[in-house]
N, C-alpha and C. Protein backbone atom coordinates (compact mmCIF):
# COMPACT_ATOMS: atom_id res chain seq x y z
N MET A 1 17.40 19.06 44.00
CA MET A 1 17.57 17.23 43.28
C MET A 1 19.14 17.23 42.70
N THR A 2 19.67 16.43 43.31
CA THR A 2 21.30 15.99 42.90
C THR A 2 20.70 14.87 41.37
N LYS A 3 21.75 15.06 40.61
CA LYS A 3 21.73 14.53 39.47
C LYS A 3 22.72 13.07 39.39
N ARG A 4 21.46 11.81 39.76
CA ARG A 4 21.92 10.51 39.77
C ARG A 4 21.99 9.81 38.68
N ASN A 5 22.85 8.85 38.12
CA ASN A 5 22.84 8.24 37.29
C ASN A 5 21.72 7.05 37.39
N GLN A 6 21.36 6.23 36.35
CA GLN A 6 20.13 5.64 36.66
C GLN A 6 20.50 4.19 36.26
N HIS A 7 20.66 3.47 37.37
CA HIS A 7 20.95 1.86 36.64
C HIS A 7 19.42 1.04 36.77
N VAL A 8 19.20 0.06 35.69
CA VAL A 8 18.54 -0.50 35.33
C VAL A 8 19.18 -2.27 35.80
N VAL A 9 18.70 -2.63 36.79
CA VAL A 9 19.39 -3.84 37.06
C VAL A 9 18.41 -5.06 37.25
N PRO A 10 18.55 -6.22 37.46
CA PRO A 10 18.28 -7.94 37.62
C PRO A 10 17.56 -7.96 38.97
N HIS A 11 16.22 -7.93 39.73
CA HIS A 11 15.99 -8.44 40.61
C HIS A 11 15.22 -9.55 40.72
N ALA A 12 14.99 -9.98 41.81
CA ALA A 12 14.22 -10.84 42.25
C ALA A 12 13.13 -11.19 41.72
N ASN A 13 11.94 -10.24 41.57
CA ASN A 13 10.31 -9.73 41.50
C ASN A 13 10.19 -9.31 39.96
N GLY A 14 12.23 -9.22 38.90
CA GLY A 14 11.68 -9.05 37.58
C GLY A 14 12.75 -7.75 37.63
N TRP A 15 12.68 -6.60 37.44
CA TRP A 15 13.75 -5.43 37.02
C TRP A 15 13.73 -4.63 37.71
N ALA A 16 14.64 -3.37 38.28
CA ALA A 16 14.35 -2.42 39.34
C ALA A 16 15.52 -1.39 38.41
N VAL A 17 14.85 -0.27 38.88
CA VAL A 17 15.65 1.02 38.55
C VAL A 17 16.03 1.53 39.77
N LYS A 18 17.46 1.80 39.83
CA LYS A 18 18.00 2.19 40.94
C LYS A 18 18.69 3.43 40.43
N GLY A 19 18.73 4.45 41.42
CA GLY A 19 19.39 5.52 41.61
C GLY A 19 20.75 5.25 41.83
N ALA A 20 21.94 5.54 41.14
CA ALA A 20 23.70 5.32 41.69
C ALA A 20 23.90 5.57 43.05
N GLY A 21 24.00 5.12 43.89
CA GLY A 21 24.73 4.68 45.37
C GLY A 21 23.47 4.48 46.46
N SER A 22 22.40 4.37 46.11
CA SER A 22 21.16 3.79 46.77
C SER A 22 20.88 2.31 46.74
N SER A 23 20.49 1.95 47.78
CA SER A 23 20.39 0.60 48.03
C SER A 23 18.90 0.13 47.97
N ARG A 24 18.01 1.04 48.03
CA ARG A 24 16.48 0.71 47.52
C ARG A 24 16.49 0.94 46.14
N ALA A 25 15.14 0.13 46.00
CA ALA A 25 15.02 0.29 44.13
C ALA A 25 14.26 1.27 44.05
N THR A 26 14.18 2.42 43.28
CA THR A 26 12.98 3.49 42.99
C THR A 26 11.89 2.72 42.34
N LYS A 27 11.88 1.71 41.75
CA LYS A 27 10.38 0.95 40.74
C LYS A 27 11.12 -0.21 40.73
N VAL A 28 10.29 -1.27 40.82
CA VAL A 28 10.48 -2.18 40.84
C VAL A 28 9.04 -2.94 39.51
N VAL A 29 9.45 -3.35 38.61
CA VAL A 29 8.76 -3.89 37.27
C VAL A 29 8.97 -5.57 37.12
N GLU A 30 8.09 -5.72 36.26
CA GLU A 30 8.19 -7.14 35.32
C GLU A 30 9.16 -7.30 34.45
N THR A 31 9.22 -6.23 33.71
CA THR A 31 10.29 -6.59 32.48
C THR A 31 11.20 -5.31 32.23
N GLN A 32 12.27 -5.82 31.57
CA GLN A 32 13.37 -4.95 31.24
C GLN A 32 13.05 -3.90 30.64
N ARG A 33 12.52 -3.92 29.68
CA ARG A 33 11.59 -2.91 29.09
C ARG A 33 11.02 -1.58 29.55
N GLU A 34 10.23 -2.13 30.71
CA GLU A 34 9.07 -1.28 31.45
C GLU A 34 10.21 -0.34 32.35
N ALA A 35 11.42 -1.00 32.98
CA ALA A 35 12.27 -0.36 33.80
C ALA A 35 13.12 0.43 32.83
N ILE A 36 13.89 0.16 31.73
CA ILE A 36 14.01 1.37 30.85
C ILE A 36 13.44 2.68 30.73
N GLY A 37 12.19 1.82 30.31
CA GLY A 37 11.11 3.23 30.15
C GLY A 37 11.24 4.32 30.86
N ILE A 38 11.08 4.03 32.50
CA ILE A 38 10.95 4.53 33.63
C ILE A 38 12.46 5.18 33.59
N ALA A 39 13.45 4.33 33.57
CA ALA A 39 14.96 4.80 33.98
C ALA A 39 15.31 5.99 32.70
N ARG A 40 14.66 6.12 31.73
CA ARG A 40 15.07 6.94 30.65
C ARG A 40 14.30 8.47 31.03
N GLY A 41 13.37 8.13 31.68
CA GLY A 41 12.58 9.32 31.76
C GLY A 41 13.04 10.21 33.25
N ILE A 42 13.53 9.23 33.99
CA ILE A 42 14.63 9.99 35.48
C ILE A 42 15.76 10.32 35.00
N ALA A 43 16.43 9.83 34.02
CA ALA A 43 17.97 10.63 33.63
C ALA A 43 17.67 11.66 32.57
N GLN A 44 16.36 11.70 32.21
CA GLN A 44 16.10 12.64 30.73
C GLN A 44 15.97 13.96 31.76
N ASN A 45 15.04 13.92 33.02
CA ASN A 45 14.51 14.70 33.55
C ASN A 45 16.19 15.35 34.42
N GLN A 46 16.97 14.41 35.01
CA GLN A 46 17.42 14.89 35.67
C GLN A 46 19.33 15.14 34.57
N GLN A 47 18.86 15.35 33.87
CA GLN A 47 20.06 15.07 32.77
C GLN A 47 21.47 14.74 33.15
N SER A 48 21.08 13.22 32.93
CA SER A 48 22.56 12.09 33.72
C SER A 48 22.44 11.06 32.93
N GLU A 49 22.75 10.01 33.44
CA GLU A 49 23.26 8.55 32.49
C GLU A 49 21.98 7.68 32.82
N MET A 50 21.67 6.54 32.05
CA MET A 50 21.22 5.74 32.69
C MET A 50 22.29 4.33 32.02
N LEU A 51 22.26 3.59 33.28
CA LEU A 51 22.87 2.54 32.51
C LEU A 51 22.11 1.06 32.53
N ILE A 52 22.21 -0.07 31.52
CA ILE A 52 21.25 -1.20 31.99
C ILE A 52 22.47 -1.83 31.53
N HIS A 53 22.00 -3.09 32.69
CA HIS A 53 22.53 -4.28 32.91
C HIS A 53 21.93 -5.37 32.63
N GLY A 54 22.55 -6.32 31.73
CA GLY A 54 21.99 -7.59 31.71
C GLY A 54 21.59 -8.54 32.93
N GLU A 55 21.19 -9.75 32.63
CA GLU A 55 20.86 -10.86 33.65
C GLU A 55 21.78 -10.99 34.19
N ASN A 56 23.18 -11.21 33.61
CA ASN A 56 24.36 -11.03 34.65
C ASN A 56 25.08 -10.21 35.34
N GLY A 57 23.85 -8.95 35.35
CA GLY A 57 24.55 -7.65 35.90
C GLY A 57 25.40 -7.06 35.85
N ARG A 58 26.45 -7.31 34.73
CA ARG A 58 27.45 -6.34 33.81
C ARG A 58 26.36 -5.49 32.59
N ILE A 59 27.59 -4.37 32.57
CA ILE A 59 26.41 -3.15 32.05
C ILE A 59 26.59 -3.61 30.66
N ARG A 60 25.73 -3.49 29.59
CA ARG A 60 25.46 -4.17 28.42
C ARG A 60 25.06 -2.82 27.47
N GLU A 61 24.82 -1.31 28.20
CA GLU A 61 24.50 -0.63 27.51
C GLU A 61 24.32 0.92 28.44
N ARG A 62 25.02 1.49 27.71
CA ARG A 62 24.66 2.78 28.36
C ARG A 62 24.16 4.22 27.74
N ASN A 63 23.37 5.54 28.20
CA ASN A 63 22.53 6.00 27.60
C ASN A 63 22.94 8.16 28.38
N SER A 64 23.07 8.79 27.95
CA SER A 64 23.82 9.72 28.72
C SER A 64 22.88 10.98 28.23
N TYR A 65 22.20 11.52 28.79
CA TYR A 65 21.31 12.39 28.87
C TYR A 65 21.61 13.89 29.03
N GLY A 66 22.84 14.08 29.40
CA GLY A 66 23.20 15.33 30.23
C GLY A 66 23.98 16.36 29.16
N ASN A 67 24.91 17.26 29.38
CA ASN A 67 25.11 18.32 29.20
C ASN A 67 27.21 17.36 28.37
N ASP A 68 26.93 16.75 27.27
CA ASP A 68 27.86 16.32 26.68
C ASP A 68 28.53 17.08 26.21
N PRO A 69 30.66 16.46 26.21
CA PRO A 69 31.20 18.12 25.15
C PRO A 69 30.93 17.37 24.07
N TYR A 70 30.77 18.33 23.49
CA TYR A 70 31.05 18.02 21.41
C TYR A 70 31.81 19.16 21.19
N PRO A 71 33.20 18.52 20.15
CA PRO A 71 33.23 17.10 19.96
C PRO A 71 33.60 16.21 20.81
N PRO A 72 33.24 15.13 21.17
CA PRO A 72 33.84 14.08 22.32
C PRO A 72 35.25 14.09 22.59
N LYS A 73 35.83 14.59 23.64
CA LYS A 73 37.22 14.09 24.01
C LYS A 73 37.73 12.28 23.49
N GLY A 74 38.59 12.27 23.01
CA GLY A 74 39.51 10.80 22.86
C GLY A 74 38.35 10.18 21.81
């Protein structure tokens, strides 16, 4: 299984969880909160990053669940 960043994006039927580079949604739910919970679980399992987009489509928050360098660079 490849490590794909998980994106929470607006969808016509609510909110979608999409893996980076995928054209299809992994899951579509009614609320952003539900989508964040699903994306967080997938990202933690894959040790990847979760990116939350706002209603305008721009990234508003990101959380990493992988091997982050400590101390952080820069």
